[in-house]
Amino acid sequence: MSKYQLCKSKLHRPLEKWNLNFHFRTGFRRWVKVAGSGGLCYTCVMGTWKSKNRHKYLLQYHIIFVCKYRKKLLMSKQISDDIKQFSYEICQKHKVIIRYMETDKDHIHYMIETEPTMSISKIVNLMKSYTTYHIWKRYPDYLRKHFWKEHTFWTDGYFVCSVGNVSEEMLRKYIENQG
């Protein structure tokens, strides 16, 4: 058992010195061969592997939506809180987990987890349309001052990137050392 090491940041210590109850509390366990170490590493991160019929997955994304014309609409605590609430509602209906969410003056950041059956463009479409519809129902007079003719809230585009548990360099070395 001494050849196995638990990875925490850049520290590598034998497993016996670590509290391994983490696995039993979260259900998360991932073994990764670290380049140059020759052993397996146990990574403790916030995500939990999900299982379906014949596959395991952990799909996490960082998404950013920006208010149309970069208007500072999310400075209002009420609007900001309502957008967050509407986001939770629609995500809950579609089995999308919001890990983190925070607003700035003119944009909102999400960190979500989803299933492989749900495309990221579908999630973005659902979240944007649902939040826009409900925010207009709640604040029609206020929003009419900012958007004269159209019932819009978000820009047409969005930012999305996947969230990984290892760096690109570490993954490259792992793949190169296979075989």
Foldseek 3Di string as FASTA:
>chain_A
DQLAWADDPPDTDGPVVDDPCLCVVQVAWDWDDFPPSRHTYTYDDDFHWDDDDPDIDWWKKKKKWFWPVNAQVCVDVVLVVLLVVQLVVQCVVQVKAWPDWDDDRTMIITIITDDPVDDPVNSVVSSQVRSLVVSCVVPVPVVCVVPVPDSHTTDPDMDMDIDDPDDPVRVVSRVVPDD
